[in-house]
């Protein structure tokens, strides 16, 4: 899922860790069901960078709401520059993967967050 020139990938937390993942950061607000900390093999869990509970509930992983979810989530991230800046600094020039628990691999907060990091931090 990581284009050749990209340093930040996205991956479902339930998928097996790989050496190529680099820095593994969980970006869900809630801990994934049935997942042990050992199995997650995280370097960091950053729940504060995840969408608000209200936004997550509104989205409900409904594909028709994806574009609006990205806009609203972007506004939430804009309002939390210290949290997003800490994530960007943590990643720096390293290879990293943003982990998520949702079933939809194309429309989830990790995908939206990666796009935000590319746009605002050049990562």
PDB file of N, CA and C in Angstrom:
ATOM      1  N   UNK A   1       0.805  -1.206   0.000  1.00  0.00           N
ATOM      2  CA  UNK A   1       0.000   0.000   0.000  1.00  0.00           C
ATOM      3  C   UNK A   1       0.845   1.266   0.000  1.00  0.00           C
ATOM      4  N   UNK A   2       2.137   1.138  -0.071  1.00  0.00           N
ATOM      5  CA  UNK A   2       3.006   2.303   0.001  1.00  0.00           C
ATOM      6  C   UNK A   2       3.655   2.543  -1.366  1.00  0.00           C
ATOM      7  N   UNK A   3       3.265   3.622  -2.065  1.00  0.00           N
ATOM      8  CA  UNK A   3       3.908   3.931  -3.333  1.00  0.00           C
ATOM      9  C   UNK A   3       5.425   4.061  -3.152  1.00  0.00           C
ATOM     10  N   UNK A   4       6.154   3.796  -4.209  1.00  0.00           N
ATOM     11  CA  UNK A   4       7.621   3.765  -4.139  1.00  0.00           C
ATOM     12  C   UNK A   4       8.221   5.024  -3.523  1.00  0.00           C
ATOM     13  N   UNK A   5       7.694   6.196  -3.865  1.00  0.00           N
ATOM     14  CA  UNK A   5       8.310   7.419  -3.365  1.00  0.00           C
ATOM     15  C   UNK A   5       7.750   7.870  -2.009  1.00  0.00           C
ATOM     16  N   UNK A   6       6.684   7.230  -1.544  1.00  0.00           N
ATOM     17  CA  UNK A   6       6.074   7.641  -0.279  1.00  0.00           C
ATOM     18  C   UNK A   6       6.812   7.026   0.906  1.00  0.00           C
ATOM     19  N   UNK A   7       6.909   7.794   1.956  1.00  0.00           N
ATOM     20  CA  UNK A   7       7.515   7.283   3.186  1.00  0.00           C
ATOM     21  C   UNK A   7       6.451   6.887   4.194  1.00  0.00           C
ATOM     22  N   UNK A   8       5.207   7.306   3.971  1.00  0.00           N
ATOM     23  CA  UNK A   8       4.142   6.999   4.912  1.00  0.00           C
ATOM     24  C   UNK A   8       3.132   6.074   4.240  1.00  0.00           C
ATOM     25  N   UNK A   9       2.939   4.934   4.848  1.00  0.00           N
ATOM     26  CA  UNK A   9       1.937   3.991   4.369  1.00  0.00           C
ATOM     27  C   UNK A   9       0.773   3.939   5.336  1.00  0.00           C
ATOM     28  N   UNK A  10      -0.244   3.220   4.949  1.00  0.00           N
ATOM     29  CA  UNK A  10      -1.374   2.945   5.828  1.00  0.00           C
ATOM     30  C   UNK A  10      -1.592   1.442   5.811  1.00  0.00           C
ATOM     31  N   UNK A  11      -2.007   0.932   6.965  1.00  0.00           N
ATOM     32  CA  UNK A  11      -2.149  -0.513   7.084  1.00  0.00           C
ATOM     33  C   UNK A  11      -3.130  -0.816   8.202  1.00  0.00           C
ATOM     34  N   UNK A  12      -3.905  -1.851   8.011  1.00  0.00           N
ATOM     35  CA  UNK A  12      -4.834  -2.285   9.059  1.00  0.00           C
ATOM     36  C   UNK A  12      -4.022  -2.875  10.206  1.00  0.00           C
ATOM     37  N   UNK A  13      -4.323  -2.488  11.424  1.00  0.00           N
ATOM     38  CA  UNK A  13      -3.571  -2.931  12.591  1.00  0.00           C
ATOM     39  C   UNK A  13      -3.651  -4.446  12.762  1.00  0.00           C
ATOM     40  N   UNK A  14      -4.695  -5.062  12.230  1.00  0.00           N
ATOM     41  CA  UNK A  14      -4.870  -6.507  12.342  1.00  0.00           C
ATOM     42  C   UNK A  14      -3.983  -7.284  11.369  1.00  0.00           C
ATOM     43  N   UNK A  15      -3.411  -6.594  10.385  1.00  0.00           N
ATOM     44  CA  UNK A  15      -2.482  -7.249   9.452  1.00  0.00           C
ATOM     45  C   UNK A  15      -1.143  -7.443  10.149  1.00  0.00           C
ATOM     46  N   UNK A  16      -0.455  -8.499   9.767  1.00  0.00           N
ATOM     47  CA  UNK A  16       0.825  -8.827  10.411  1.00  0.00           C
ATOM     48  C   UNK A  16       1.838  -7.701  10.228  1.00  0.00           C
ATOM     49  N   UNK A  17       2.596  -7.393  11.278  1.00  0.00           N
ATOM     50  CA  UNK A  17       3.672  -6.400  11.149  1.00  0.00           C
ATOM     51  C   UNK A  17       4.725  -6.909  10.168  1.00  0.00           C
ATOM     52  N   UNK A  18       5.359  -5.966   9.498  1.00  0.00           N
ATOM     53  CA  UNK A  18       6.422  -6.309   8.553  1.00  0.00           C
ATOM     54  C   UNK A  18       7.615  -5.406   8.806  1.00  0.00           C
ATOM     55  N   UNK A  19       8.788  -5.897   8.534  1.00  0.00           N
ATOM     56  CA  UNK A  19      10.013  -5.106   8.710  1.00  0.00           C
ATOM     57  C   UNK A  19       9.947  -3.827   7.861  1.00  0.00           C
ATOM     58  N   UNK A  20       9.325  -3.906   6.699  1.00  0.00           N
ATOM     59  CA  UNK A  20       9.231  -2.762   5.789  1.00  0.00           C
ATOM     60  C   UNK A  20       8.294  -1.662   6.306  1.00  0.00           C
ATOM     61  N   UNK A  21       7.515  -1.958   7.349  1.00  0.00           N
ATOM     62  CA  UNK A  21       6.591  -0.948   7.885  1.00  0.00           C
ATOM     63  C   UNK A  21       7.323   0.285   8.397  1.00  0.00           C
ATOM     64  N   UNK A  22       8.490   0.090   8.946  1.00  0.00           N
ATOM     65  CA  UNK A  22       9.177   1.205   9.594  1.00  0.00           C
ATOM     66  C   UNK A  22       8.485   1.519  10.911  1.00  0.00           C
ATOM     67  N   UNK A  23       8.368   2.789  11.223  1.00  0.00           N
ATOM     68  CA  UNK A  23       7.722   3.252  12.445  1.00  0.00           C
ATOM     69  C   UNK A  23       6.227   2.925  12.372  1.00  0.00           C
ATOM     70  N   UNK A  24       5.710   2.221  13.364  1.00  0.00           N
ATOM     71  CA  UNK A  24       4.298   1.798  13.371  1.00  0.00           C
ATOM     72  C   UNK A  24       3.527   2.639  14.389  1.00  0.00           C
ATOM     73  N   UNK A  25       2.579   3.462  13.862  1.00  0.00           N
ATOM     74  CA  UNK A  25       1.834   4.385  14.716  1.00  0.00           C
ATOM     75  C   UNK A  25       0.332   4.130  14.558  1.00  0.00           C
ATOM     76  N   UNK A  26      -0.312   3.759  15.648  1.00  0.00           N
ATOM     77  CA  UNK A  26      -1.760   3.575  15.656  1.00  0.00           C
ATOM     78  C   UNK A  26      -2.417   4.943  15.780  1.00  0.00           C
ATOM     79  N   UNK A  27      -3.332   5.247  14.856  1.00  0.00           N
ATOM     80  CA  UNK A  27      -3.978   6.565  14.834  1.00  0.00           C
ATOM     81  C   UNK A  27      -5.486   6.457  15.077  1.00  0.00           C
ATOM     82  N   UNK A  28      -5.899   5.434  15.817  1.00  0.00           N
ATOM     83  CA  UNK A  28      -7.295   5.275  16.236  1.00  0.00           C
ATOM     84  C   UNK A  28      -7.465   5.867  17.632  1.00  0.00           C
ATOM     85  N   UNK A  29      -8.650   6.404  17.884  1.00  0.00           N
ATOM     86  CA  UNK A  29      -8.946   6.952  19.206  1.00  0.00           C
ATOM     87  C   UNK A  29      -9.186   5.832  20.216  1.00  0.00           C
ATOM     88  N   UNK A  30      -9.751   4.723  19.766  1.00  0.00           N
ATOM     89  CA  UNK A  30     -10.021   3.591  20.652  1.00  0.00           C
ATOM     90  C   UNK A  30      -9.110   2.419  20.280  1.00  0.00           C
ATOM     91  N   UNK A  31      -8.761   1.636  21.293  1.00  0.00           N
ATOM     92  CA  UNK A  31      -7.892   0.482  21.066  1.00  0.00           C
ATOM     93  C   UNK A  31      -8.649  -0.552  20.239  1.00  0.00           C
ATOM     94  N   UNK A  32      -8.001  -1.163  19.243  1.00  0.00           N
ATOM     95  CA  UNK A  32      -8.673  -2.150  18.381  1.00  0.00           C
ATOM     96  C   UNK A  32      -9.129  -3.389  19.161  1.00  0.00           C
ATOM     97  N   UNK A  33     -10.344  -3.791  18.897  1.00  0.00           N
ATOM     98  CA  UNK A  33     -10.946  -4.947  19.566  1.00  0.00           C
ATOM     99  C   UNK A  33     -10.134  -6.209  19.372  1.00  0.00           C
ATOM    100  N   UNK A  34      -9.908  -6.912  20.483  1.00  0.00           N
ATOM    101  CA  UNK A  34      -9.260  -8.209  20.422  1.00  0.00           C
ATOM    102  C   UNK A  34      -7.775  -8.181  20.108  1.00  0.00           C
ATOM    103  N   UNK A  35      -7.184  -7.011  20.063  1.00  0.00           N
ATOM    104  CA  UNK A  35      -5.771  -6.872  19.692  1.00  0.00           C
ATOM    105  C   UNK A  35      -4.944  -6.658  20.948  1.00  0.00           C
ATOM    106  N   UNK A  36      -3.937  -7.501  21.126  1.00  0.00           N
ATOM    107  CA  UNK A  36      -3.031  -7.299  22.265  1.00  0.00           C
ATOM    108  C   UNK A  36      -1.966  -6.278  21.872  1.00  0.00           C
ATOM    109  N   UNK A  37      -1.372  -5.668  22.850  1.00  0.00           N
ATOM    110  CA  UNK A  37      -0.291  -4.705  22.570  1.00  0.00           C
ATOM    111  C   UNK A  37       0.885  -5.400  21.882  1.00  0.00           C
ATOM    112  N   UNK A  38       1.155  -6.614  22.264  1.00  0.00           N
ATOM    113  CA  UNK A  38       2.262  -7.359  21.645  1.00  0.00           C
ATOM    114  C   UNK A  38       1.980  -7.631  20.172  1.00  0.00           C
ATOM    115  N   UNK A  39       0.755  -8.072  19.863  1.00  0.00           N
ATOM    116  CA  UNK A  39       0.396  -8.378  18.476  1.00  0.00           C
ATOM    117  C   UNK A  39       0.383  -7.119  17.613  1.00  0.00           C
ATOM    118  N   UNK A  40       0.028  -5.985  18.209  1.00  0.00           N
ATOM    119  CA  UNK A  40      -0.014  -4.730  17.448  1.00  0.00           C
ATOM    120  C   UNK A  40       1.386  -4.267  17.062  1.00  0.00           C
ATOM    121  N   UNK A  41       2.371  -4.629  17.854  1.00  0.00           N
ATOM    122  CA  UNK A  41       3.775  -4.276  17.580  1.00  0.00           C
ATOM    123  C   UNK A  41       3.933  -2.792  17.251  1.00  0.00           C
ATOM    124  N   UNK A  42       3.365  -1.954  18.107  1.00  0.00           N
ATOM    125  CA  UNK A  42       3.391  -0.505  17.887  1.00  0.00           C
ATOM    126  C   UNK A  42       4.677   0.130  18.372  1.00  0.00           C
ATOM    127  N   UNK A  43       5.028   1.216  17.713  1.00  0.00           N
ATOM    128  CA  UNK A  43       6.045   2.106  18.242  1.00  0.00           C
ATOM    129  C   UNK A  43       5.369   3.212  19.046  1.00  0.00           C
ATOM    130  N   UNK A  44       4.130   3.534  18.652  1.00  0.00           N
ATOM    131  CA  UNK A  44       3.415   4.598  19.344  1.00  0.00           C
ATOM    132  C   UNK A  44       1.927   4.502  19.041  1.00  0.00           C
ATOM    133  N   UNK A  45       1.121   4.905  20.015  1.00  0.00           N
ATOM    134  CA  UNK A  45      -0.320   5.047  19.844  1.00  0.00           C
ATOM    135  C   UNK A  45      -0.626   6.518  20.055  1.00  0.00           C
ATOM    136  N   UNK A  46      -1.221   7.161  19.045  1.00  0.00           N
ATOM    137  CA  UNK A  46      -1.524   8.590  19.120  1.00  0.00           C
ATOM    138  C   UNK A  46      -3.034   8.819  18.970  1.00  0.00           C
ATOM    139  N   UNK A  47      -3.805   8.535  20.020  1.00  0.00           N
ATOM    140  CA  UNK A  47      -5.264   8.686  19.914  1.00  0.00           C
ATOM    141  C   UNK A  47      -5.711  10.133  19.714  1.00  0.00           C
ATOM    142  N   UNK A  48      -4.915  11.101  20.150  1.00  0.00           N
ATOM    143  CA  UNK A  48      -5.320  12.506  20.025  1.00  0.00           C
ATOM    144  C   UNK A  48      -5.290  13.030  18.599  1.00  0.00           C
ATOM    145  N   UNK A  49      -4.658  12.303  17.692  1.00  0.00           N
ATOM    146  CA  UNK A  49      -4.634  12.733  16.297  1.00  0.00           C
ATOM    147  C   UNK A  49      -5.817  12.131  15.518  1.00  0.00           C
ATOM    148  N   UNK A  50      -6.549  11.239  16.151  1.00  0.00           N
ATOM    149  CA  UNK A  50      -7.709  10.600  15.516  1.00  0.00           C
ATOM    150  C   UNK A  50      -8.887  11.572  15.446  1.00  0.00           C
ATOM    151  N   UNK A  51      -9.847  11.288  14.587  1.00  0.00           N
ATOM    152  CA  UNK A  51     -11.044  12.130  14.528  1.00  0.00           C
ATOM    153  C   UNK A  51     -11.796  12.100  15.856  1.00  0.00           C
ATOM    154  N   UNK A  52     -12.533  13.156  16.120  1.00  0.00           N
ATOM    155  CA  UNK A  52     -13.346  13.206  17.333  1.00  0.00           C
ATOM    156  C   UNK A  52     -14.375  12.080  17.310  1.00  0.00           C
ATOM    157  N   UNK A  53     -14.857  11.725  18.480  1.00  0.00           N
ATOM    158  CA  UNK A  53     -15.882  10.683  18.567  1.00  0.00           C
ATOM    159  C   UNK A  53     -17.126  11.082  17.770  1.00  0.00           C
ATOM    160  N   UNK A  54     -17.489  12.360  17.831  1.00  0.00           N
ATOM    161  CA  UNK A  54     -18.673  12.833  17.101  1.00  0.00           C
ATOM    162  C   UNK A  54     -18.477  12.691  15.594  1.00  0.00           C
ATOM    163  N   UNK A  55     -17.313  13.046  15.086  1.00  0.00           N
ATOM    164  CA  UNK A  55     -17.057  12.932  13.658  1.00  0.00           C
ATOM    165  C   UNK A  55     -17.009  11.458  13.238  1.00  0.00           C
ATOM    166  N   UNK A  56     -16.363  10.648  14.025  1.00  0.00           N
ATOM    167  CA  UNK A  56     -16.265   9.222  13.717  1.00  0.00           C
ATOM    168  C   UNK A  56     -17.668   8.604  13.651  1.00  0.00           C
ATOM    169  N   UNK A  57     -18.509   8.966  14.621  1.00  0.00           N
ATOM    170  CA  UNK A  57     -19.872   8.436  14.643  1.00  0.00           C
ATOM    171  C   UNK A  57     -20.669   8.934  13.438  1.00  0.00           C
ATOM    172  N   UNK A  58     -20.536  10.222  13.113  1.00  0.00           N
ATOM    173  CA  UNK A  58     -21.253  10.772  11.959  1.00  0.00           C
ATOM    174  C   UNK A  58     -20.845  10.051  10.673  1.00  0.00           C
ATOM    175  N   UNK A  59     -19.560   9.852  10.484  1.00  0.00           N
ATOM    176  CA  UNK A  59     -19.057   9.204   9.264  1.00  0.00           C
ATOM    177  C   UNK A  59     -19.582   7.781   9.158  1.00  0.00           C
ATOM    178  N   UNK A  60     -19.459   7.006  10.212  1.00  0.00           N
ATOM    179  CA  UNK A  60     -19.963   5.643  10.215  1.00  0.00           C
ATOM    180  C   UNK A  60     -19.441   4.782   9.079  1.00  0.00           C
ATOM    181  N   UNK A  61     -18.308   5.146   8.492  1.00  0.00           N
ATOM    182  CA  UNK A  61     -17.705   4.436   7.363  1.00  0.00           C
ATOM    183  C   UNK A  61     -18.658   4.308   6.181  1.00  0.00           C
ATOM    184  N   UNK A  62     -19.487   5.326   6.027  1.00  0.00           N
ATOM    185  CA  UNK A  62     -20.426   5.396   4.912  1.00  0.00           C
ATOM    186  C   UNK A  62     -19.690   6.014   3.710  1.00  0.00           C
ATOM    187  N   UNK A  63     -19.462   5.242   2.643  1.00  0.00           N
ATOM    188  CA  UNK A  63     -18.684   5.754   1.497  1.00  0.00           C
ATOM    189  C   UNK A  63     -19.185   7.084   0.937  1.00  0.00           C
ATOM    190  N   UNK A  64     -20.484   7.308   0.965  1.00  0.00           N
ATOM    191  CA  UNK A  64     -21.033   8.558   0.415  1.00  0.00           C
ATOM    192  C   UNK A  64     -20.640   9.781   1.245  1.00  0.00           C
ATOM    193  N   UNK A  65     -20.174   9.568   2.468  1.00  0.00           N
ATOM    194  CA  UNK A  65     -19.783  10.674   3.339  1.00  0.00           C
ATOM    195  C   UNK A  65     -18.268  10.912   3.351  1.00  0.00           C
ATOM    196  N   UNK A  66     -17.522  10.159   2.557  1.00  0.00           N
ATOM    197  CA  UNK A  66     -16.057  10.205   2.610  1.00  0.00           C
ATOM    198  C   UNK A  66     -15.493  11.602   2.360  1.00  0.00           C
ATOM    199  N   UNK A  67     -15.898  12.248   1.282  1.00  0.00           N
ATOM    200  CA  UNK A  67     -15.329  13.565   0.940  1.00  0.00           C
ATOM    201  C   UNK A  67     -15.596  14.578   2.056  1.00  0.00           C
ATOM    202  N   UNK A  68     -16.802  14.557   2.588  1.00  0.00           N
ATOM    203  CA  UNK A  68     -17.126  15.485   3.677  1.00  0.00           C
ATOM    204  C   UNK A  68     -16.373  15.110   4.952  1.00  0.00           C
ATOM    205  N   UNK A  69     -16.198  13.815   5.197  1.00  0.00           N
ATOM    206  CA  UNK A  69     -15.407  13.378   6.344  1.00  0.00           C
ATOM    207  C   UNK A  69     -13.983  13.926   6.246  1.00  0.00           C
ATOM    208  N   UNK A  70     -13.370  13.811   5.067  1.00  0.00           N
ATOM    209  CA  UNK A  70     -12.001  14.328   4.881  1.00  0.00           C
ATOM    210  C   UNK A  70     -11.942  15.822   5.186  1.00  0.00           C
ATOM    211  N   UNK A  71     -12.918  16.584   4.707  1.00  0.00           N
ATOM    212  CA  UNK A  71     -12.944  18.033   4.964  1.00  0.00           C
ATOM    213  C   UNK A  71     -13.078  18.318   6.462  1.00  0.00           C
ATOM    214  N   UNK A  72     -14.028  17.662   7.101  1.00  0.00           N
ATOM    215  CA  UNK A  72     -14.260  17.897   8.532  1.00  0.00           C
ATOM    216  C   UNK A  72     -13.061  17.457   9.376  1.00  0.00           C
ATOM    217  N   UNK A  73     -12.489  16.324   9.036  1.00  0.00           N
ATOM    218  CA  UNK A  73     -11.318  15.836   9.765  1.00  0.00           C
ATOM    219  C   UNK A  73     -10.142  16.796   9.573  1.00  0.00           C
ATOM    220  N   UNK A  74      -9.981  17.298   8.366  1.00  0.00           N
ATOM    221  CA  UNK A  74      -8.935  18.285   8.104  1.00  0.00           C
ATOM    222  C   UNK A  74      -9.094  19.519   8.977  1.00  0.00           C
ATOM    223  N   UNK A  75     -10.318  19.962   9.174  1.00  0.00           N
ATOM    224  CA  UNK A  75     -10.575  21.118  10.051  1.00  0.00           C
ATOM    225  C   UNK A  75     -10.226  20.773  11.502  1.00  0.00           C
ATOM    226  N   UNK A  76     -10.551  19.560  11.923  1.00  0.00           N
ATOM    227  CA  UNK A  76     -10.174  19.146  13.281  1.00  0.00           C
ATOM    228  C   UNK A  76      -8.654  19.132  13.432  1.00  0.00           C
ATOM    229  N   UNK A  77      -7.963  18.640  12.423  1.00  0.00           N
ATOM    230  CA  UNK A  77      -6.498  18.609  12.477  1.00  0.00           C
ATOM    231  C   UNK A  77      -5.918  20.018  12.479  1.00  0.00           C
ATOM    232  N   UNK A  78      -6.517  20.909  11.692  1.00  0.00           N
ATOM    233  CA  UNK A  78      -6.072  22.313  11.677  1.00  0.00           C
ATOM    234  C   UNK A  78      -6.170  22.933  13.069  1.00  0.00           C
ATOM    235  N   UNK A  79      -7.173  22.506  13.838  1.00  0.00           N
ATOM    236  CA  UNK A  79      -7.394  23.056  15.174  1.00  0.00           C
ATOM    237  C   UNK A  79      -6.470  22.439  16.224  1.00  0.00           C
ATOM    238  N   UNK A  80      -5.704  21.424  15.853  1.00  0.00           N
ATOM    239  CA  UNK A  80      -4.786  20.748  16.788  1.00  0.00           C
ATOM    240  C   UNK A  80      -3.361  20.724  16.239  1.00  0.00           C
ATOM    241  N   UNK A  81      -2.788  21.889  15.938  1.00  0.00           N
ATOM    242  CA  UNK A  81      -1.467  21.903  15.298  1.00  0.00           C
ATOM    243  C   UNK A  81      -0.374  21.254  16.148  1.00  0.00           C
ATOM    244  N   UNK A  82      -0.478  21.342  17.464  1.00  0.00           N
ATOM    245  CA  UNK A  82       0.570  20.756  18.305  1.00  0.00           C
ATOM    246  C   UNK A  82       0.568  19.230  18.215  1.00  0.00           C
ATOM    247  N   UNK A  83      -0.611  18.632  18.118  1.00  0.00           N
ATOM    248  CA  UNK A  83      -0.718  17.175  18.032  1.00  0.00           C
ATOM    249  C   UNK A  83      -0.231  16.685  16.663  1.00  0.00           C
ATOM    250  N   UNK A  84      -0.691  17.361  15.607  1.00  0.00           N
ATOM    251  CA  UNK A  84      -0.290  16.968  14.259  1.00  0.00           C
ATOM    252  C   UNK A  84       1.201  17.242  14.058  1.00  0.00           C
ATOM    253  N   UNK A  85       1.681  18.344  14.598  1.00  0.00           N
ATOM    254  CA  UNK A  85       3.105  18.660  14.509  1.00  0.00           C
ATOM    255  C   UNK A  85       3.960  17.627  15.218  1.00  0.00           C
ATOM    256  N   UNK A  86       3.477  17.132  16.361  1.00  0.00           N
ATOM    257  CA  UNK A  86       4.209  16.090  17.087  1.00  0.00           C
ATOM    258  C   UNK A  86       4.273  14.808  16.262  1.00  0.00           C
ATOM    259  N   UNK A  87       3.190  14.472  15.584  1.00  0.00           N
ATOM    260  CA  UNK A  87       3.189  13.283  14.715  1.00  0.00           C
ATOM    261  C   UNK A  87       4.166  13.477  13.568  1.00  0.00           C
ATOM    262  N   UNK A  88       4.110  14.629  12.918  1.00  0.00           N
ATOM    263  CA  UNK A  88       5.013  14.900  11.802  1.00  0.00           C
ATOM    264  C   UNK A  88       6.470  14.849  12.253  1.00  0.00           C
ATOM    265  N   UNK A  89       6.753  15.401  13.424  1.00  0.00           N
ATOM    266  CA  UNK A  89       8.122  15.375  13.956  1.00  0.00           C
ATOM    267  C   UNK A  89       8.547  13.951  14.286  1.00  0.00           C
ATOM    268  N   UNK A  90       7.619  13.167  14.820  1.00  0.00           N
ATOM    269  CA  UNK A  90       7.926  11.770  15.174  1.00  0.00           C
ATOM    270  C   UNK A  90       8.302  10.985  13.923  1.00  0.00           C
ATOM    271  N   UNK A  91       7.584  11.243  12.839  1.00  0.00           N
ATOM    272  CA  UNK A  91       7.871  10.545  11.583  1.00  0.00           C
ATOM    273  C   UNK A  91       9.152  11.090  10.968  1.00  0.00           C
ATOM    274  N   UNK A  92       9.251  12.418  10.891  1.00  0.00           N
ATOM    275  CA  UNK A  92      10.438  13.036  10.316  1.00  0.00           C
ATOM    276  C   UNK A  92      10.739  12.495   8.933  1.00  0.00           C
ATOM    277  N   UNK A  93      11.954  12.029   8.741  1.00  0.00           N
ATOM    278  CA  UNK A  93      12.378  11.516   7.429  1.00  0.00           C
ATOM    279  C   UNK A  93      12.348   9.987   7.396  1.00  0.00           C
ATOM    280  N   UNK A  94      11.763   9.387   8.426  1.00  0.00           N
ATOM    281  CA  UNK A  94      11.696   7.928   8.489  1.00  0.00           C
ATOM    282  C   UNK A  94      10.558   7.360   7.657  1.00  0.00           C
ATOM    283  N   UNK A  95      10.656   6.113   7.403  1.00  0.00           N
ATOM    284  CA  UNK A  95       9.561   5.366   6.803  1.00  0.00           C
ATOM    285  C   UNK A  95       8.593   5.048   7.945  1.00  0.00           C
ATOM    286  N   UNK A  96       7.291   5.201   7.702  1.00  0.00           N
ATOM    287  CA  UNK A  96       6.304   4.968   8.750  1.00  0.00           C
ATOM    288  C   UNK A  96       5.033   4.386   8.149  1.00  0.00           C
ATOM    289  N   UNK A  97       4.269   3.743   9.000  1.00  0.00           N
ATOM    290  CA  UNK A  97       2.954   3.261   8.601  1.00  0.00           C
ATOM    291  C   UNK A  97       1.952   3.713   9.661  1.00  0.00           C
ATOM    292  N   UNK A  98       0.845   4.305   9.185  1.00  0.00           N
ATOM    293  CA  UNK A  98      -0.246   4.724  10.062  1.00  0.00           C
ATOM    294  C   UNK A  98      -1.221   3.561  10.137  1.00  0.00           C
ATOM    295  N   UNK A  99      -1.461   3.086  11.335  1.00  0.00           N
ATOM    296  CA  UNK A  99      -2.298   1.912  11.539  1.00  0.00           C
ATOM    297  C   UNK A  99      -3.718   2.308  11.916  1.00  0.00           C
ATOM    298  N   UNK A 100      -4.688   1.554  11.411  1.00  0.00           N
ATOM    299  CA  UNK A 100      -6.098   1.797  11.670  1.00  0.00           C
ATOM    300  C   UNK A 100      -6.798   0.463  11.892  1.00  0.00           C
ATOM    301  N   UNK A 101      -7.955   0.500  12.511  1.00  0.00           N
ATOM    302  CA  UNK A 101      -8.699  -0.720  12.781  1.00  0.00           C
ATOM    303  C   UNK A 101      -9.888  -0.949  11.861  1.00  0.00           C
ATOM    304  N   UNK A 102     -10.309   0.056  11.117  1.00  0.00           N
ATOM    305  CA  UNK A 102     -11.498  -0.048  10.271  1.00  0.00           C
ATOM    306  C   UNK A 102     -11.340  -1.138   9.207  1.00  0.00           C
ATOM    307  N   UNK A 103     -12.469  -1.657   8.753  1.00  0.00           N
ATOM    308  CA  UNK A 103     -12.445  -2.687   7.704  1.00  0.00           C
ATOM    309  C   UNK A 103     -12.155  -2.096   6.326  1.00  0.00           C
ATOM    310  N   UNK A 104     -12.599  -0.874   6.106  1.00  0.00           N
ATOM    311  CA  UNK A 104     -12.431  -0.230   4.795  1.00  0.00           C
ATOM    312  C   UNK A 104     -11.012   0.330   4.686  1.00  0.00           C
ATOM    313  N   UNK A 105     -10.202  -0.278   3.832  1.00  0.00           N
ATOM    314  CA  UNK A 105      -8.800   0.120   3.686  1.00  0.00           C
ATOM    315  C   UNK A 105      -8.624   1.380   2.839  1.00  0.00           C
ATOM    316  N   UNK A 106      -9.662   1.810   2.140  1.00  0.00           N
ATOM    317  CA  UNK A 106      -9.552   2.977   1.261  1.00  0.00           C
ATOM    318  C   UNK A 106     -10.119   4.254   1.865  1.00  0.00           C
ATOM    319  N   UNK A 107     -11.068   4.114   2.785  1.00  0.00           N
ATOM    320  CA  UNK A 107     -11.738   5.276   3.375  1.00  0.00           C
ATOM    321  C   UNK A 107     -11.723   5.142   4.896  1.00  0.00           C
ATOM    322  N   UNK A 108     -10.660   5.677   5.497  1.00  0.00           N
ATOM    323  CA  UNK A 108     -10.523   5.647   6.948  1.00  0.00           C
ATOM    324  C   UNK A 108      -9.638   6.815   7.367  1.00  0.00           C
ATOM    325  N   UNK A 109      -9.545   7.054   8.669  1.00  0.00           N
ATOM    326  CA  UNK A 109      -8.809   8.220   9.144  1.00  0.00           C
ATOM    327  C   UNK A 109      -7.324   8.166   8.810  1.00  0.00           C
ATOM    328  N   UNK A 110      -6.736   6.986   8.728  1.00  0.00           N
ATOM    329  CA  UNK A 110      -5.304   6.901   8.399  1.00  0.00           C
ATOM    330  C   UNK A 110      -5.040   7.386   6.977  1.00  0.00           C
ATOM    331  N   UNK A 111      -5.922   7.046   6.055  1.00  0.00           N
ATOM    332  CA  UNK A 111      -5.788   7.506   4.667  1.00  0.00           C
ATOM    333  C   UNK A 111      -5.918   9.026   4.614  1.00  0.00           C
ATOM    334  N   UNK A 112      -6.931   9.551   5.307  1.00  0.00           N
ATOM    335  CA  UNK A 112      -7.140  11.006   5.337  1.00  0.00           C
ATOM    336  C   UNK A 112      -5.974  11.710   6.026  1.00  0.00           C
ATOM    337  N   UNK A 113      -5.475  11.137   7.101  1.00  0.00           N
ATOM    338  CA  UNK A 113      -4.358  11.732   7.837  1.00  0.00           C
ATOM    339  C   UNK A 113      -3.087  11.728   6.994  1.00  0.00           C
ATOM    340  N   UNK A 114      -2.836  10.650   6.270  1.00  0.00           N
ATOM    341  CA  UNK A 114      -1.658  10.605   5.394  1.00  0.00           C
ATOM    342  C   UNK A 114      -1.741  11.720   4.349  1.00  0.00           C
ATOM    343  N   UNK A 115      -2.907  11.905   3.747  1.00  0.00           N
ATOM    344  CA  UNK A 115      -3.083  12.971   2.752  1.00  0.00           C
ATOM    345  C   UNK A 115      -2.845  14.336   3.391  1.00  0.00           C
ATOM    346  N   UNK A 116      -3.322  14.532   4.607  1.00  0.00           N
ATOM    347  CA  UNK A 116      -3.123  15.791   5.331  1.00  0.00           C
ATOM    348  C   UNK A 116      -1.632  16.024   5.584  1.00  0.00           C
ATOM    349  N   UNK A 117      -0.923  14.987   6.024  1.00  0.00           N
ATOM    350  CA  UNK A 117       0.524  15.113   6.285  1.00  0.00           C
ATOM    351  C   UNK A 117       1.289  15.427   5.003  1.00  0.00           C
ATOM    352  N   UNK A 118       0.885  14.816   3.894  1.00  0.00           N
ATOM    353  CA  UNK A 118       1.530  15.110   2.610  1.00  0.00           C
ATOM    354  C   UNK A 118       1.315  16.576   2.244  1.00  0.00           C
ATOM    355  N   UNK A 119       0.078  17.021   2.378  1.00  0.00           N
ATOM    356  CA  UNK A 119      -0.274  18.384   1.968  1.00  0.00           C
ATOM    357  C   UNK A 119       0.332  19.447   2.866  1.00  0.00           C
ATOM    358  N   UNK A 120       0.294  19.254   4.170  1.00  0.00           N
ATOM    359  CA  UNK A 120       0.712  20.299   5.113  1.00  0.00           C
ATOM    360  C   UNK A 120       2.159  20.205   5.575  1.00  0.00           C
ATOM    361  N   UNK A 121       2.764  19.016   5.484  1.00  0.00           N
ATOM    362  CA  UNK A 121       4.129  18.838   6.001  1.00  0.00           C
ATOM    363  C   UNK A 121       5.087  18.283   4.947  1.00  0.00           C
ATOM    364  N   UNK A 122       4.569  17.981   3.769  1.00  0.00           N
ATOM    365  CA  UNK A 122       5.423  17.428   2.716  1.00  0.00           C
ATOM    366  C   UNK A 122       5.954  16.038   3.030  1.00  0.00           C
ATOM    367  N   UNK A 123       5.286  15.332   3.907  1.00  0.00           N
ATOM    368  CA  UNK A 123       5.721  13.977   4.269  1.00  0.00           C
ATOM    369  C   UNK A 123       5.121  12.946   3.339  1.00  0.00           C
TER     370      UNK A 123
END
